[in-house]
């Protein structure tokens, strides 16, 4: 039997750049415990109420500025609409999860939860017990794999797990940004892509007002913030596309033409990583000579 009955007429879906506050509100308004995270109509993750509690609240983060991409689980295993309940049970056991997205032609169209299966009597008590046990046996900061409860928990250290998870996800998010920068610019190494990204962002942050620069950085991977804090305070009118290209030429040993291409490609990566509204706010503060770095419409510089 297919999973068509788990198709949802209204699926709760957010973008990786959506804030964790928006996710919490969506869960509260729709009485659900998870939201799917989709980018370009492709499932890229899932965020649960547990993720928000452990990785945002327990870690002392601001939910209004923390994006979902920093806390979502990106190792999500979906099933196809033509799969069976047995396939769902297998995924839940093997991946120690209780929510499995359902795809049709590669797009999310529903979700199956352990509660659904149990309430509909699609599984028996022993099967439900095996899924729950698999979840409980996942290793944690103070609990070895295979144990179903913690032992010897150190008081006051409850936020450590959340901090470690967030640090790992922040690193993954930063890595994806650098990979996109390598792909768009044609630079051959992660170090070169990182250097280009930091040069362009440091100049932008120096050119923008401090408030706008902070708003821009809030939507980018958190690992960038410590590296760019010193550039805030800005409105440096001496910064132009020519000065940025000159810095790229010196740092990366590029020809003038290649430096121009890298500048525009890096700006395209930045624009793809933040909201359209934020890019419009950035453009509004840039002088006419710099507005073309972020055209108002989707744009890819010709190679």
Protein backbone atom coordinates (compact mmCIF):
# COMPACT_ATOMS: atom_id res chain seq x y z
CA UNK A 1 0.00 0.00 0.00
CA UNK A 2 1.37 3.45 -0.93
CA UNK A 3 1.79 6.37 1.45
CA UNK A 4 -0.73 8.53 -0.39
CA UNK A 5 -2.88 8.85 2.73
CA UNK A 6 -0.03 10.80 4.36
CA UNK A 7 -0.11 13.44 1.67
CA UNK A 8 -0.75 16.79 3.36
CA UNK A 9 -2.93 19.41 1.62
CA UNK A 10 -1.03 22.07 3.57
CA UNK A 11 2.56 21.20 4.40
CA UNK A 12 4.48 23.42 6.84
CA UNK A 13 7.60 24.37 4.91
CA UNK A 14 10.23 27.04 5.59
CA UNK A 15 13.47 28.20 3.95
CA UNK A 16 16.93 27.64 5.50
CA UNK A 17 17.18 31.43 5.96
CA UNK A 18 13.91 31.55 7.94
CA UNK A 19 14.50 32.29 11.61
CA UNK A 20 14.03 29.79 14.38
CA UNK A 21 11.42 32.18 15.80
CA UNK A 22 9.40 31.79 12.58
CA UNK A 23 9.74 28.02 12.91
CA UNK A 24 8.51 28.10 16.52
CA UNK A 25 5.53 30.26 15.53
CA UNK A 26 4.69 27.91 12.64
CA UNK A 27 4.79 24.91 14.97
CA UNK A 28 2.60 26.67 17.54
CA UNK A 29 0.08 27.98 14.99
CA UNK A 30 -0.30 24.61 13.28
CA UNK A 31 0.06 22.40 16.36
CA UNK A 32 2.95 20.38 14.88
CA UNK A 33 6.31 19.38 16.26
CA UNK A 34 8.44 19.87 13.16
CA UNK A 35 8.80 21.89 9.98
CA UNK A 36 10.36 20.79 6.72
CA UNK A 37 13.14 22.97 5.32
CA UNK A 38 13.06 23.39 1.55
CA UNK A 39 15.25 25.32 -0.87
CA UNK A 40 14.55 25.52 -4.60
CA UNK A 41 11.71 23.02 -4.13
CA UNK A 42 14.21 20.50 -2.74
CA UNK A 43 14.11 19.08 0.78
CA UNK A 44 17.30 20.09 2.58
CA UNK A 45 16.44 19.46 6.22
CA UNK A 46 13.97 19.15 9.04
CA UNK A 47 13.73 21.17 12.27
CA UNK A 48 11.89 19.89 15.32
CA UNK A 49 10.67 21.46 18.54
CA UNK A 50 13.50 19.55 20.24
CA UNK A 51 16.06 21.22 17.98
CA UNK A 52 14.69 24.64 18.95
CA UNK A 53 14.71 23.81 22.65
CA UNK A 54 18.23 22.34 22.77
CA UNK A 55 20.08 24.30 20.09
CA UNK A 56 18.47 27.71 20.50
CA UNK A 57 16.92 28.13 23.95
CA UNK A 58 19.43 26.02 25.90
CA UNK A 59 22.33 27.60 24.01
CA UNK A 60 21.10 31.12 24.80
CA UNK A 61 20.69 32.16 21.16
CA UNK A 62 18.36 34.83 19.85
CA UNK A 63 15.57 33.02 17.93
CA UNK A 64 14.80 36.16 15.91
CA UNK A 65 18.26 36.19 14.34
CA UNK A 66 19.28 32.51 14.39
CA UNK A 67 18.50 30.94 10.98
CA UNK A 68 17.06 27.47 10.62
CA UNK A 69 20.10 26.32 8.64
CA UNK A 70 22.15 26.58 11.88
CA UNK A 71 19.94 24.17 13.83
CA UNK A 72 18.10 21.99 11.31
CA UNK A 73 18.99 18.34 10.78
CA UNK A 74 20.30 18.14 7.23
CA UNK A 75 20.80 14.35 7.36
CA UNK A 76 17.12 13.74 6.70
CA UNK A 77 16.02 10.49 5.04
CA UNK A 78 12.72 10.76 3.12
CA UNK A 79 10.57 8.07 1.53
CA UNK A 80 8.72 8.11 -1.77
CA UNK A 81 4.94 8.39 -2.07
CA UNK A 82 4.94 4.87 -3.61
CA UNK A 83 6.81 3.33 -0.67
CA UNK A 84 5.09 1.42 2.12
CA UNK A 85 4.65 1.67 5.88
CA UNK A 86 7.33 -1.01 6.18
CA UNK A 87 9.77 1.32 4.40
CA UNK A 88 8.88 4.10 6.84
CA UNK A 89 9.43 1.82 9.84
CA UNK A 90 12.82 0.77 8.46
CA UNK A 91 13.89 4.42 8.08
CA UNK A 92 12.69 5.27 11.59
CA UNK A 93 14.65 2.37 13.08
CA UNK A 94 17.83 2.83 11.06
CA UNK A 95 17.97 6.60 11.50
CA UNK A 96 16.48 6.81 15.01
CA UNK A 97 13.81 9.30 14.01
CA UNK A 98 10.05 9.57 14.44
CA UNK A 99 9.21 11.84 11.51
CA UNK A 100 9.82 10.86 7.88
CA UNK A 101 9.10 13.24 4.96
CA UNK A 102 7.27 11.89 1.93
CA UNK A 103 8.40 12.91 -1.57
CA UNK A 104 6.73 12.79 -4.94
CA UNK A 105 8.90 13.45 -8.01
CA UNK A 106 11.56 14.72 -5.61
CA UNK A 107 9.31 17.28 -3.92
CA UNK A 108 7.95 17.02 -0.35
CA UNK A 109 4.21 16.34 -0.31
CA UNK A 110 3.69 14.90 3.15
CA UNK A 111 5.18 13.56 6.35
CA UNK A 112 4.65 10.37 8.36
CA UNK A 113 5.09 10.47 12.12
CA UNK A 114 5.36 7.71 14.67
CA UNK A 115 2.18 9.08 16.25
CA UNK A 116 0.36 8.68 12.92
CA UNK A 117 1.41 5.05 12.62
CA UNK A 118 0.51 4.21 16.19
CA UNK A 119 -2.87 6.00 16.25
CA UNK A 120 -3.89 4.39 12.95
CA UNK A 121 -2.77 0.99 14.26
CA UNK A 122 -0.51 0.68 11.23
CA UNK A 123 2.14 -0.73 13.59
CA UNK A 124 1.91 -2.81 16.72
CA UNK A 125 3.25 -2.03 20.18
CA UNK A 126 6.46 -4.03 19.69
CA UNK A 127 7.30 -2.13 16.49
CA UNK A 128 6.63 1.22 18.19
CA UNK A 129 8.81 0.12 21.11
CA UNK A 130 11.68 -0.78 18.77
CA UNK A 131 11.57 2.66 17.11
CA UNK A 132 11.48 4.51 20.43
CA UNK A 133 14.31 2.38 21.80
CA UNK A 134 16.43 3.18 18.73
CA UNK A 135 15.95 6.88 19.46
CA UNK A 136 16.75 6.53 23.15
CA UNK A 137 19.95 4.61 22.39
CA UNK A 138 21.50 7.43 20.33
CA UNK A 139 24.73 8.62 21.96
CA UNK A 140 24.67 11.97 23.77
CA UNK A 141 27.15 14.10 25.70
CA UNK A 142 26.64 12.19 28.95
CA UNK A 143 25.12 9.00 27.57
CA UNK A 144 26.98 6.32 25.60
CA UNK A 145 25.45 4.74 22.53
CA UNK A 146 23.20 1.84 23.48
CA UNK A 147 22.13 3.25 26.83
CA UNK A 148 18.56 4.49 27.12
CA UNK A 149 19.16 7.00 29.91
CA UNK A 150 22.06 9.23 31.02
CA UNK A 151 24.34 8.29 33.87
CA UNK A 152 26.48 10.60 35.95
CA UNK A 153 25.16 13.83 34.42
CA UNK A 154 27.24 16.78 35.53
CA UNK A 155 25.02 19.59 36.87
CA UNK A 156 25.11 22.81 34.93
CA UNK A 157 26.41 21.26 31.72
CA UNK A 158 23.10 20.75 29.95
CA UNK A 159 23.87 23.38 27.31
CA UNK A 160 27.14 21.78 26.24
CA UNK A 161 25.50 19.33 23.86
CA UNK A 162 23.54 22.13 22.24
CA UNK A 163 26.70 24.21 21.80
CA UNK A 164 28.57 21.30 20.25
CA UNK A 165 25.76 20.53 17.83
CA UNK A 166 25.46 24.16 16.85
CA UNK A 167 29.22 24.47 16.32
CA UNK A 168 29.18 21.44 14.01
CA UNK A 169 26.23 22.77 12.04
CA UNK A 170 27.77 26.24 11.83
CA UNK A 171 30.90 24.67 10.35
CA UNK A 172 28.80 22.74 7.82
CA UNK A 173 26.87 25.88 6.86
CA UNK A 174 30.10 27.81 6.40
CA UNK A 175 31.54 24.98 4.33
CA UNK A 176 28.51 25.01 2.02
CA UNK A 177 28.92 28.76 1.51
CA UNK A 178 32.59 28.37 0.62
CA UNK A 179 31.76 25.52 -1.76
CA UNK A 180 29.20 27.76 -3.49
CA UNK A 181 31.83 30.49 -3.70
CA UNK A 182 34.33 28.10 -5.30
CA UNK A 183 31.71 26.92 -7.79
CA UNK A 184 30.60 30.43 -8.80
CA UNK A 185 34.02 32.10 -8.90
CA UNK A 186 36.00 29.24 -10.39
CA UNK A 187 38.61 29.55 -7.63
CA UNK A 188 40.30 26.21 -7.12
CA UNK A 189 40.72 25.98 -3.34
CA UNK A 190 38.62 26.57 -0.24
CA UNK A 191 41.30 28.97 1.05
CA UNK A 192 41.06 31.14 -2.07
CA UNK A 193 37.26 31.17 -1.91
CA UNK A 194 37.37 32.12 1.76
CA UNK A 195 39.83 34.91 1.05
CA UNK A 196 37.66 36.30 -1.76
CA UNK A 197 34.53 36.12 0.40
CA UNK A 198 36.19 37.90 3.32
CA UNK A 199 37.63 40.62 1.09
CA UNK A 200 34.28 41.36 -0.53
CA UNK A 201 32.31 41.22 2.74
CA UNK A 202 34.82 43.30 4.71
CA UNK A 203 34.65 46.03 2.07
CA UNK A 204 30.85 45.90 1.96
CA UNK A 205 30.61 46.06 5.76
CA UNK A 206 32.98 49.01 5.78
CA UNK A 207 30.91 50.80 3.13
CA UNK A 208 27.51 50.21 4.77
CA UNK A 209 26.27 51.78 7.97
CA UNK A 210 27.02 49.69 11.04
CA UNK A 211 23.35 48.73 11.53
CA UNK A 212 22.94 47.54 7.93
CA UNK A 213 26.23 45.65 8.02
CA UNK A 214 25.07 43.84 11.16
CA UNK A 215 21.75 42.97 9.51
CA UNK A 216 23.62 41.52 6.53
CA UNK A 217 25.95 39.45 8.71
CA UNK A 218 23.01 38.16 10.77
CA UNK A 219 21.78 36.27 7.70
CA UNK A 220 25.17 34.80 6.85
CA UNK A 221 26.96 31.88 8.57
CA UNK A 222 27.84 32.75 12.14
CA UNK A 223 31.51 31.84 11.61
CA UNK A 224 31.90 34.99 9.52
CA UNK A 225 30.94 37.38 12.31
CA UNK A 226 34.15 37.26 14.42
CA UNK A 227 36.23 37.70 11.27
CA UNK A 228 34.31 40.80 10.16
CA UNK A 229 33.50 42.55 13.44
CA UNK A 230 36.44 44.91 13.01
CA UNK A 231 35.10 46.16 9.67
CA UNK A 232 31.84 47.48 11.15
CA UNK A 233 31.45 51.13 11.82
CA UNK A 234 31.51 52.13 8.32
CA UNK A 235 30.17 54.25 5.57
CA UNK A 236 33.69 54.42 4.14
CA UNK A 237 33.07 56.34 0.93
CA UNK A 238 36.51 55.51 -0.40
CA UNK A 239 35.42 51.95 -1.20
CA UNK A 240 34.44 51.34 -4.83
CA UNK A 241 34.29 48.30 -7.12
CA UNK A 242 37.73 49.30 -8.40
CA UNK A 243 39.29 49.28 -4.92
CA UNK A 244 37.75 45.89 -4.13
CA UNK A 245 38.99 44.45 -7.42
CA UNK A 246 42.46 45.81 -6.73
CA UNK A 247 42.51 44.05 -3.35
CA UNK A 248 41.34 40.80 -4.96
CA UNK A 249 44.07 41.08 -7.59
CA UNK A 250 46.77 41.52 -4.94
CA UNK A 251 45.52 38.83 -2.57
CA UNK A 252 44.76 36.15 -5.16
CA UNK A 253 47.19 37.14 -7.92
CA UNK A 254 44.42 37.59 -10.48
CA UNK A 255 44.30 39.42 -13.76
CA UNK A 256 42.07 42.54 -13.87
CA UNK A 257 39.42 40.63 -15.82
CA UNK A 258 39.49 37.67 -13.44
CA UNK A 259 39.24 39.97 -10.42
CA UNK A 260 36.10 41.56 -11.88
CA UNK A 261 34.56 38.13 -12.45
CA UNK A 262 35.41 37.00 -8.91
CA UNK A 263 33.91 40.17 -7.40
CA UNK A 264 30.58 39.80 -9.19
CA UNK A 265 30.42 36.03 -8.65
CA UNK A 266 31.13 36.45 -4.93
CA UNK A 267 28.38 39.07 -4.67
CA UNK A 268 26.03 36.62 -6.39
CA UNK A 269 26.85 33.98 -3.77
CA UNK A 270 26.16 36.51 -0.99
CA UNK A 271 22.84 37.49 -2.60
CA UNK A 272 21.84 33.82 -2.88
CA UNK A 273 22.59 33.34 0.83
CA UNK A 274 20.38 36.08 2.29
CA UNK A 275 16.82 37.26 1.78
CA UNK A 276 15.79 39.38 -1.21
CA UNK A 277 14.62 42.07 1.21
CA UNK A 278 18.05 42.25 2.83
CA UNK A 279 19.73 42.65 -0.57
CA UNK A 280 17.37 45.51 -1.39
CA UNK A 281 18.30 47.16 1.91
CA UNK A 282 21.99 46.76 1.07
CA UNK A 283 21.47 48.21 -2.43
CA UNK A 284 19.64 51.20 -0.98
CA UNK A 285 22.76 52.19 0.98
CA UNK A 286 25.27 51.62 -1.80
CA UNK A 287 26.25 54.41 -4.19
CA UNK A 288 25.18 54.16 -7.83
CA UNK A 289 28.59 52.80 -8.86
CA UNK A 290 28.16 49.81 -6.53
CA UNK A 291 24.48 48.98 -6.97
CA UNK A 292 25.26 46.75 -9.98
CA UNK A 293 27.06 44.37 -7.62
CA UNK A 294 23.57 43.31 -6.48
CA UNK A 295 21.11 43.72 -9.39
CA UNK A 296 17.44 43.79 -8.36
CA UNK A 297 16.61 40.73 -10.49
CA UNK A 298 18.23 37.26 -10.42
CA UNK A 299 21.44 37.68 -12.32
CA UNK A 300 24.42 35.57 -13.33
CA UNK A 301 27.46 37.24 -14.75
CA UNK A 302 28.39 35.90 -18.20
CA UNK A 303 31.50 33.75 -18.23
